[in-house]
Each structure stands twice: as structure tokens, then as C-alpha cells.
Protein backbone atom coordinates (compact mmCIF):
# COMPACT_ATOMS: atom_id res chain seq x y z
CA MET A 1 56.81 56.00 57.57
CA ASP A 2 60.39 56.29 58.02
CA GLY A 3 60.51 53.58 55.41
CA LEU A 4 58.04 55.44 52.52
CA ASP A 5 59.49 57.43 49.81
CA ILE A 6 57.10 59.71 48.38
CA ASP A 7 58.65 61.04 45.95
CA GLY A 8 59.01 57.23 44.80
CA PHE A 9 55.19 56.63 45.10
CA GLU A 10 54.74 59.61 42.61
CA ARG A 11 57.00 58.67 40.33
CA ILE A 12 55.15 55.04 39.63
CA TYR A 13 51.98 56.62 39.85
CA PHE A 14 52.70 59.50 36.99
CA GLY A 15 55.01 55.95 35.35
CA LEU A 16 51.17 53.88 35.20
CA LEU A 17 48.80 56.64 34.32
CA GLY A 18 50.84 57.35 31.32
CA LEU A 19 51.29 53.61 30.41
CA LEU A 20 47.04 53.77 31.03
CA THR A 21 46.94 56.61 28.05
CA GLN A 22 49.07 55.56 26.05
CA VAL A 23 47.69 52.21 25.26
CA SER A 24 44.08 53.70 25.70
CA ASN A 25 45.45 56.18 22.34
CA GLU A 26 47.11 52.79 20.27
CA TYR A 27 44.40 50.72 21.60
CA PHE A 28 41.75 53.58 20.25
CA ASP A 29 43.64 53.47 16.72
CA THR A 30 43.91 49.85 16.72
CA PHE A 31 39.75 49.82 16.88
CA THR A 32 39.51 52.73 14.77
CA ARG A 33 41.08 51.07 12.07
CA ILE A 34 39.58 47.52 13.18
CA GLY A 35 36.21 49.05 12.66
CA LYS A 36 36.85 50.82 9.09
CA LEU A 37 37.43 47.55 7.85
CA VAL A 38 34.56 45.62 9.37
CA ALA A 39 32.23 48.02 9.01
CA PRO A 40 32.13 47.29 5.09
CA ILE A 41 32.01 43.38 5.71
CA PHE A 42 28.77 44.03 8.38
CA THR A 43 27.44 46.35 5.63
CA LEU A 44 27.84 43.75 2.44
CA LEU A 45 26.52 40.79 5.29
CA ALA A 46 22.86 43.18 6.26
CA GLY A 47 22.72 43.98 2.80
CA ALA A 48 22.83 40.09 1.46
CA TYR A 49 20.82 39.42 4.47
CA ALA A 50 17.93 41.75 3.51
CA ILE A 51 17.94 40.13 -0.28
CA VAL A 52 17.37 36.48 0.93
CA GLN A 53 14.65 37.89 2.84
CA ARG A 54 13.17 39.64 0.15
CA TYR A 55 13.78 36.33 -2.16
CA GLN A 56 12.08 34.46 0.54
CA TYR A 57 9.21 36.46 0.92
CA ALA A 58 9.15 36.83 -3.34
CA GLU A 59 9.12 33.10 -3.55
CA LYS A 60 6.32 32.51 -0.66
CA ARG A 61 4.11 35.72 -2.29
CA LEU A 62 4.41 33.05 -5.83
CA HIS A 63 3.46 30.21 -4.32
CA LYS A 64 0.05 31.70 -2.65
CA ARG A 65 -0.24 33.67 -6.13
CA LEU A 66 0.58 30.80 -8.10
CA GLY A 67 -2.08 28.84 -6.50
CA GLU A 68 -4.58 31.45 -6.58
CA TYR A 69 -3.80 31.39 -10.39
CA LEU A 70 -4.17 27.35 -10.89
CA ASN A 71 -7.79 27.87 -8.80
CA ARG A 72 -8.48 30.85 -11.27
CA ARG A 73 -7.47 28.93 -14.46
CA GLU A 74 -8.70 25.33 -13.30
CA VAL A 75 -11.86 25.66 -14.79
CA ARG A 76 -10.72 26.76 -18.52
CA LEU A 77 -7.28 24.19 -18.41
CA GLU A 78 -10.28 20.87 -19.84
CA GLY A 79 -11.20 23.37 -22.93
CA ARG A 80 -7.38 24.23 -23.20
CA ARG A 81 -6.35 20.49 -23.07
CA ALA A 82 -9.44 20.05 -25.78
CA LYS A 83 -7.98 22.04 -28.03
CA LEU A 84 -4.29 20.94 -27.77
CA ASN A 85 -5.75 17.75 -29.04
CA GLU A 86 -7.37 18.92 -31.47
CA ALA A 87 -3.42 19.77 -32.83
CA ARG A 88 -2.19 16.36 -32.21
CA ILE A 89 -1.09 14.82 -35.59
CA SER A 90 -2.71 11.12 -35.88
CA PRO A 91 -0.68 8.59 -36.36
CA VAL A 92 -0.30 6.66 -39.79
CA PRO A 93 0.41 3.55 -40.00
CA GLY A 94 3.83 3.09 -41.27
CA ALA A 95 4.75 6.97 -40.54
CA PRO A 96 8.52 7.13 -39.06
CA LEU A 97 8.18 7.87 -35.25
CA ASP A 98 10.19 11.31 -35.41
CA ILE A 99 7.34 13.28 -37.36
CA GLY A 100 6.60 15.19 -33.96
CA LEU A 101 3.24 14.99 -32.28
CA PHE A 102 1.99 18.41 -32.99
CA ASP A 103 1.27 20.08 -36.36
CA GLY A 104 3.34 23.68 -35.94
CA THR A 105 0.10 25.24 -37.93
CA ARG A 106 -2.31 23.60 -35.79
CA LEU A 107 -0.39 24.58 -32.60
CA GLN A 108 -0.08 28.07 -33.16
CA ARG A 109 -3.76 28.70 -33.17
CA VAL A 110 -4.00 26.65 -29.83
CA LEU A 111 -1.36 28.94 -28.25
CA ASN A 112 -2.85 31.92 -29.45
CA THR A 113 -5.97 30.49 -26.97
CA PHE A 114 -3.15 31.18 -23.80
CA ASP A 115 -2.71 33.96 -21.66
CA VAL A 116 0.59 33.57 -21.43
CA ARG A 117 1.47 37.30 -20.71
CA GLU A 118 4.66 38.36 -20.77
CA PHE A 119 6.20 35.25 -22.36
CA GLN A 120 6.20 35.91 -26.07
CA GLN A 121 5.79 32.88 -27.99
CA ASP A 122 6.13 32.17 -31.71
CA VAL A 123 5.92 28.72 -33.84
CA ASP A 124 8.74 28.06 -36.60
CA GLU A 125 9.02 24.40 -38.36
CA ASN A 126 10.82 23.00 -34.90
CA GLY A 127 7.73 24.14 -32.57
CA PRO A 128 6.76 26.76 -30.05
CA GLN A 129 9.99 28.78 -29.23
CA ILE A 130 10.63 31.33 -26.48
CA GLN A 131 11.96 34.68 -27.39
CA HIS A 132 13.23 36.15 -23.35
CA PRO A 133 15.00 32.74 -22.43
CA GLY A 134 16.02 34.48 -19.10
CA LYS A 135 12.65 35.17 -18.16
CA TRP A 136 10.88 32.01 -19.35
CA PHE A 137 14.15 29.85 -17.09
CA LYS A 138 13.18 32.02 -14.02
CA GLY A 139 9.72 30.70 -14.89
CA LYS A 140 10.43 27.46 -15.22
CA VAL A 141 12.81 27.71 -11.64
CA ASP A 142 9.68 28.85 -10.01
CA VAL A 143 7.21 26.24 -12.00
CA ASP A 144 9.61 23.31 -10.89
CA ARG A 145 9.88 24.42 -7.34
CA HIS A 146 6.35 24.36 -6.99
CA LEU A 147 5.79 20.74 -8.43
CA ARG A 148 8.04 19.39 -5.85
CA ILE A 149 5.59 20.67 -3.60
CA VAL A 150 2.95 19.75 -5.42
CA ASP A 151 4.36 16.46 -5.76
CA ARG A 152 4.88 16.37 -1.51
CA GLN A 153 1.69 17.46 -1.06
CA LEU A 154 0.09 14.61 -3.40
CA GLU A 155 2.49 11.63 -1.37
CA LEU A 156 0.70 12.59 1.91
CA LEU A 157 -2.97 13.18 0.49
CA GLU A 158 -2.21 9.92 -1.24
CA LYS A 159 -1.18 8.10 1.73
CA ARG A 160 -3.86 9.69 3.96
CA LEU A 161 -6.28 8.67 1.08
CA ARG A 162 -5.06 5.00 1.61
CA LEU A 163 -5.63 4.70 5.15
CA GLN A 164 -9.68 5.67 4.61
CA LYS A 165 -10.00 3.35 2.05
CA ARG A 166 -8.65 0.83 4.74
CA HIS A 167 -11.03 2.42 7.33
CA LYS A 168 -13.83 1.80 4.88
CA ALA A 169 -12.78 -1.51 4.30
CA GLU A 170 -12.37 -2.32 7.67
CA THR A 171 -16.14 -0.88 8.16
CA HIS A 172 -17.45 -3.12 5.38
CA LEU A 173 -16.02 -5.91 6.99
CA TRP A 174 -17.81 -5.74 10.55
CA GLN A 175 -20.82 -5.17 8.69
CA GLY A 176 -20.62 -7.96 6.74
CA ALA A 177 -19.43 -10.11 9.83
CA LEU A 178 -22.51 -8.51 11.69
CA TRP A 179 -24.71 -10.15 9.03
CA VAL A 180 -23.04 -13.56 8.69
CA GLY A 181 -23.85 -13.61 12.32
CA ARG A 182 -27.29 -13.25 11.99
CA ALA A 183 -27.53 -15.58 9.02
CA ASN A 184 -25.74 -18.37 11.60
CA GLN A 185 -28.94 -17.12 13.80
CA TRP A 186 -31.89 -17.94 11.42
CA HIS A 187 -29.75 -21.02 10.25
CA ASN A 188 -30.16 -22.04 14.15
CA SER A 189 -33.51 -21.23 14.34
CA GLY A 190 -34.78 -23.51 10.98
CA ARG A 191 -34.67 -20.60 8.51
CA SER A 192 -32.57 -20.24 5.55
CA GLY A 193 -30.87 -16.92 6.39
CA ARG A 194 -30.47 -16.23 2.73
CA GLN A 195 -31.05 -12.78 3.09
CA GLU A 196 -28.30 -12.03 5.56
CA ASN A 197 -25.86 -13.90 3.95
CA LEU A 198 -26.60 -12.01 0.51
CA LYS A 199 -26.62 -8.92 2.50
CA ALA A 200 -22.97 -10.14 3.86
CA LEU A 201 -21.50 -10.61 0.71
CA GLN A 202 -22.77 -7.24 -0.94
CA GLU A 203 -20.57 -5.28 2.18
CA PHE A 204 -17.57 -7.83 1.58
CA GLU A 205 -17.64 -6.97 -2.23
CA HIS A 206 -17.78 -3.09 -1.10
CA ALA A 207 -14.92 -3.71 1.21
CA LEU A 208 -13.06 -5.12 -2.03
CA LYS A 209 -13.58 -2.15 -3.99
CA ALA A 210 -11.98 0.01 -1.44
CA THR A 211 -8.79 -2.16 -1.17
CA PRO A 212 -8.44 -4.96 -4.18
CA ASP A 213 -5.57 -6.70 -3.21
CA ASP A 214 -6.76 -7.71 -0.39
CA ALA A 215 -6.31 -10.82 -0.26
CA LEU A 216 -8.66 -11.48 3.22
CA ILE A 217 -11.26 -9.96 1.37
CA VAL A 218 -11.41 -12.13 -1.35
CA GLU A 219 -11.66 -15.26 0.42
CA LEU A 220 -14.83 -14.33 2.71
CA ILE A 221 -15.79 -13.39 -0.46
CA ALA A 222 -15.62 -16.62 -1.82
CA THR A 223 -16.97 -18.05 1.45
CA GLN A 224 -20.26 -16.16 1.26
CA LYS A 225 -20.81 -17.20 -2.46
CA ALA A 226 -20.11 -20.86 -1.27
CA ALA A 227 -22.63 -20.37 1.47
CA LEU A 228 -25.28 -19.08 -0.91
CA GLY A 229 -24.80 -22.18 -3.37
CA ARG A 230 -22.69 -20.27 -5.97
CA HIS A 231 -20.12 -23.20 -5.80
CA SER A 232 -18.55 -22.73 -9.16
CA GLU A 233 -18.31 -19.41 -8.65
CA ALA A 234 -16.26 -19.62 -5.31
CA LEU A 235 -13.83 -22.30 -6.47
CA ASP A 236 -13.09 -20.13 -9.31
CA GLU A 237 -12.54 -17.33 -7.04
CA LEU A 238 -10.30 -19.01 -4.60
CA HIS A 239 -8.61 -21.30 -7.38
CA ASN A 240 -7.24 -17.46 -8.34
CA LEU A 241 -6.61 -16.40 -5.11
CA TRP A 242 -4.72 -19.48 -3.78
CA LEU A 243 -1.83 -18.74 -7.07
CA THR A 244 -1.27 -15.59 -5.58
CA LEU A 245 -0.64 -17.18 -2.54
CA ILE A 246 1.56 -19.95 -3.50
CA GLU A 247 4.86 -17.75 -3.25
CA SER A 248 3.87 -15.66 -0.43
CA ASP A 249 4.54 -16.16 3.37
CA GLN A 250 0.81 -16.00 4.27
CA ALA A 251 1.40 -19.42 5.54
CA ASP A 252 -1.69 -20.03 7.00
CA GLN A 253 -4.09 -18.20 4.53
CA ARG A 254 -2.55 -20.55 2.35
CA ALA A 255 -3.53 -23.42 4.41
CA ARG A 256 -7.09 -22.04 4.97
CA VAL A 257 -7.28 -21.73 1.42
CA GLY A 258 -6.61 -25.23 -0.05
CA ARG A 259 -8.96 -26.82 2.40
CA LEU A 260 -12.06 -24.45 1.32
CA ILE A 261 -11.27 -25.36 -2.08
CA GLY A 262 -11.20 -28.96 -1.12
CA GLU A 263 -13.85 -28.82 1.42
CA ILE A 264 -15.90 -27.16 -1.36
CA GLY A 265 -14.78 -29.32 -4.19
CA TYR A 266 -15.54 -32.39 -1.69
CA HIS A 267 -18.68 -31.28 -1.76
CA HIS A 268 -20.03 -29.65 -4.94
CA VAL A 269 -18.03 -30.34 -8.11
CA ALA A 270 -18.00 -32.85 -10.62
CA SER A 271 -15.77 -35.42 -10.88
CA ASP A 272 -13.87 -33.69 -13.89
CA ARG A 273 -12.35 -31.08 -11.79
CA LEU A 274 -12.28 -33.21 -8.78
CA LEU A 275 -8.54 -33.83 -10.21
CA SER A 276 -7.42 -30.46 -9.73
CA VAL A 277 -8.68 -29.63 -6.76
CA ARG A 278 -7.26 -32.96 -5.47
CA ASP A 279 -3.74 -31.42 -6.58
CA ILE A 280 -4.09 -28.18 -4.81
CA VAL A 281 -5.29 -30.03 -1.44
CA LYS A 282 -1.68 -31.98 -1.89
CA GLU A 283 -0.34 -28.71 -2.51
CA ALA A 284 -1.39 -27.11 0.45
CA ILE A 285 -0.23 -29.97 3.11
CA ASN A 286 3.26 -29.95 1.17
CA SER A 287 3.51 -26.06 1.59
CA LEU A 288 3.19 -26.68 5.51
CA THR A 289 5.85 -24.82 7.40
CA ASN A 290 7.38 -26.75 9.84
CA SER A 291 4.81 -24.60 12.71
CA GLN A 292 1.90 -26.28 10.81
CA ARG A 293 3.23 -29.65 10.88
CA GLN A 294 1.62 -32.45 13.71
CA THR A 295 -1.64 -29.81 13.97
CA ILE A 296 -4.79 -29.75 14.01
CA THR A 297 -4.57 -28.16 10.43
CA GLU A 298 -2.52 -30.77 9.09
CA ALA A 299 -4.42 -33.21 9.94
CA HIS A 300 -7.53 -31.77 8.68
CA LEU A 301 -5.94 -31.42 4.90
CA GLN A 302 -4.64 -34.97 5.33
CA GLU A 303 -8.32 -36.01 5.93
CA LEU A 304 -9.93 -34.35 3.27
CA LEU A 305 -7.55 -36.07 0.84
CA GLY A 306 -8.70 -38.95 1.78
CA LEU A 307 -12.30 -38.24 1.80
CA ILE A 308 -11.23 -36.92 -2.14
CA GLU A 309 -9.96 -39.64 -3.04
CA TRP A 310 -12.76 -41.37 -2.21
CA LYS A 311 -15.26 -39.93 -3.51
CA LYS A 312 -12.68 -40.61 -6.89
CA GLU A 313 -12.54 -44.43 -6.16
CA THR A 314 -8.98 -44.75 -5.83
CA PHE A 315 -9.32 -46.78 -2.39
CA THR A 316 -5.96 -47.52 -1.56
CA LEU A 317 -4.91 -43.80 -2.10
CA ALA A 318 -8.27 -42.84 0.14
CA GLN A 319 -6.54 -45.60 2.31
CA SER A 320 -3.26 -44.85 2.67
CA GLU A 321 -4.58 -40.73 3.18
CA LEU A 322 -7.10 -41.77 5.76
CA HIS A 323 -4.58 -43.82 7.79
CA ALA A 324 -2.19 -41.05 7.80
CA ALA A 325 -4.72 -38.51 9.52
CA HIS A 326 -6.16 -41.07 11.52
CA ASN A 327 -2.01 -41.13 13.25
CA LEU A 328 -2.59 -37.36 13.13
CA TYR A 329 -5.45 -37.21 15.36
CA GLU A 330 -4.40 -40.17 17.38
CA LEU A 331 -0.63 -38.17 17.93
CA LEU A 332 -3.05 -35.03 18.83
CA ASP A 333 -5.41 -36.57 21.10
CA GLN A 334 -2.22 -37.80 23.53
CA ALA A 335 -1.35 -34.00 23.46
CA ASP A 336 -4.62 -33.23 24.71
CA SER A 337 -4.65 -35.83 27.50
CA LYS A 338 -1.36 -33.98 28.50
CA SER A 339 -3.69 -30.49 28.57
CA LYS A 340 -1.77 -29.43 25.58
CA ARG A 341 -4.53 -27.66 23.59
CA THR A 342 -4.55 -28.83 19.93
CA GLY A 343 -7.96 -27.99 18.92
CA ALA A 344 -8.95 -31.59 18.45
CA THR A 345 -12.14 -33.05 19.49
CA SER A 346 -13.14 -36.77 20.26
CA GLY A 347 -15.24 -37.14 17.54
CA ASP A 348 -12.27 -36.81 14.89
CA LEU A 349 -10.13 -39.52 15.63
CA GLU A 350 -13.47 -41.57 16.12
CA ARG A 351 -15.13 -40.42 12.64
CA VAL A 352 -11.73 -41.25 11.23
CA GLN A 353 -11.95 -44.64 11.79
CA ARG A 354 -15.54 -45.18 10.53
CA ASP A 355 -13.87 -43.99 7.31
CA LEU A 356 -10.87 -46.36 7.08
CA LEU A 357 -13.32 -49.15 7.68
CA ALA A 358 -15.94 -47.77 4.82
CA VAL A 359 -13.00 -47.41 2.48
CA GLY A 360 -11.66 -50.73 3.53
CA ALA A 361 -14.37 -52.44 2.55
CA ARG A 362 -14.93 -51.08 -0.73
CA ALA A 363 -18.10 -48.74 0.62
CA PRO A 364 -19.40 -46.55 -1.90
CA TRP A 365 -18.82 -42.90 -0.97
CA SER A 366 -21.71 -40.70 0.42
CA PRO A 367 -21.66 -36.76 0.81
CA ARG A 368 -21.50 -36.13 4.28
CA THR A 369 -20.87 -33.01 6.17
CA LEU A 370 -17.50 -32.46 7.36
CA ALA A 371 -16.81 -31.23 10.66
CA LEU A 372 -13.31 -29.05 9.99
């Protein structure tokens, strides 16, 4: 304890205590000044928050009450539209276009039938005028906001409606497919299956009503009409469908529709329409994509074109087209021998060889069932 200075400790202790007291007093004064400065700001922010919350609550309440009002007034809406139509000015030939759509006097009578409440309106020579523009503007803003909400809801409803229509179309397609399968069973047992094919056609037509722009359904309808013997109708529908597929990227369906047109025309149309059928089959061949070249699709189309030329008795062209089909079938047969499945059968090559011999001998054309 010899080296300790008691007086020195006391001076240090009281010095620190005084310093802390001085700092505390200065901090308290500063805090008080800051509090007095910040308090109004917090008060204003709290008031603004309360106003915003009140406005949002009022907006939600407006939407709710506006919806209730629209539901109550919906029944009267059609009647009001009919009355409004009474005030329309009938168009007169030669009259200027800027005369307006409504007559002021008649429009006043229509406006008197509306429950306008606080929106007092009168009509002068320029049409209805609002006497309270401030209230009118606020009402317009609220209605515009509600209109945007309704538009978004309508977009969702339209999307859901399209989806439901697509589901309905798919269901009818499955029903039609089942009837087609039943018709094929009857046909294999020696019966016609006409009633089943007719029911399948009706199902496909119901599917088309649900999705009018579906090209596949149009193709199925045309195929069913051909199965029922309504070949002219089927050919017309396929021709219209072909025109829509020319510039499309549906290469498989385009080739399939061209082949159906050629097959129906080859069997059932008169000579005066055979020329347009031949042109469509040619166009189908020319529009094949690279992935469709040297496939069973091109071979079938090439053979079909040769048979149409044979029916037209243009033997040279028929021989040329059938020879091209023969080469394709031969190429596909070689690919099949290398375990590459091309869809060709052993009878394809033999069938075209027989046709080539008949055309070379200038034999008259005779209808036969195409194995397409």
C-alpha cells in the first residue's frame, strides 16, 4: 500500500463522476431537442398512415357496394339500353357524320329514368353536362379502377372458358373415336357400320363447335363424311383445310390432308375435278420437308399421283410417277432389311410393279382399293 495515493484515487473518482454527470445532462438536453423536432414528423407520418388505411378501406367498401349495386341494377340494365336506343338518331343517306348519335331532347327523357342521385345532370344543345365536376371526376376514377379489376377477372374467365371448351372438344373426340372403332368392328364382321360412323361424325361436329379453329377436327369430320359416302362434301372441306395449311408449319397434317384429297379424288370424283386433285397432290409432294423426304409419306403421295395420271389416261406421266414411287419403295425396302423401320410393307413394291406393267401396256384404268 506504500505506493498508493488515496487522494489521487479520490480526485480521479470524483472527476469521472462529474464528467459522467456533465455528459448525461448534455445528452438529456440533446435528446429533448431531438424529441421535440422528431415528434411532429412521427405525428404526421402516423396521420398519413391512418388516412391511407382509411382510403384503402373505403376503396374496398366501394368495390363491394358497387358490385352489390350492379347486381341489383343488372335486371334494369336491359330496359335502360332499350330506352337509350330510342334516343338514337336514325342515319339518313347523305347526312354529315358529325351530327351526333343522340337527340338532346329525347336523351333528356332517357336520363330522367336513371337513378343519378348526387350527379345532377341537365342537357343543352351539346348533350348532357355535369354540374358537379369534382364529384363526377372522383366517381369516374373509382369506376375506372373497378373496370380494370373487372377486365382482369374477365381475362381469367376467358382463359378458363377456353380451357373448358378444349376439354369438351377432347371428350367429344374420344367419343367419336370409340364410335369409329365400333364401326370398324361391324365392318370386319360383314356389316356396314353406317350408324356408328354417323354417330362418330356427330361427335366430331360437336367437338368442332367447342373449338372452331381446330384443323385436326375438320380433317376428322371430312374423313367421316367420306366413310359415309358424302365424298363431294368431304373433298370440299379438305380443300378449304388445305388452303389454310399451305403456309402453316403443320407439315405432317399438310401431307396427310393432301393424301386424303388425292385418295378421295382418285376413287370418287369426276374427271373435271381430277385436275385440281392432281395439282394438290403435286403441291403436297413439293411442300414436303427434308425430314419427310424418302419416307413412306413421299412414296404414298408419289404412287397416288401416278394412279391419278393413269385415271386421266396420261400414260407417260403415270409411268414416270409410278417409276419414282417404285424407286422410293425399293429404297425403303433396303432400309427395312437393315433393321430400319420405315413403315413400308413387302406388298408395296409388288403393287407398284404390277401398276407399272399395266401402264406400260396402256391398259385401261380400273379402280382398286389403295393400301394407304
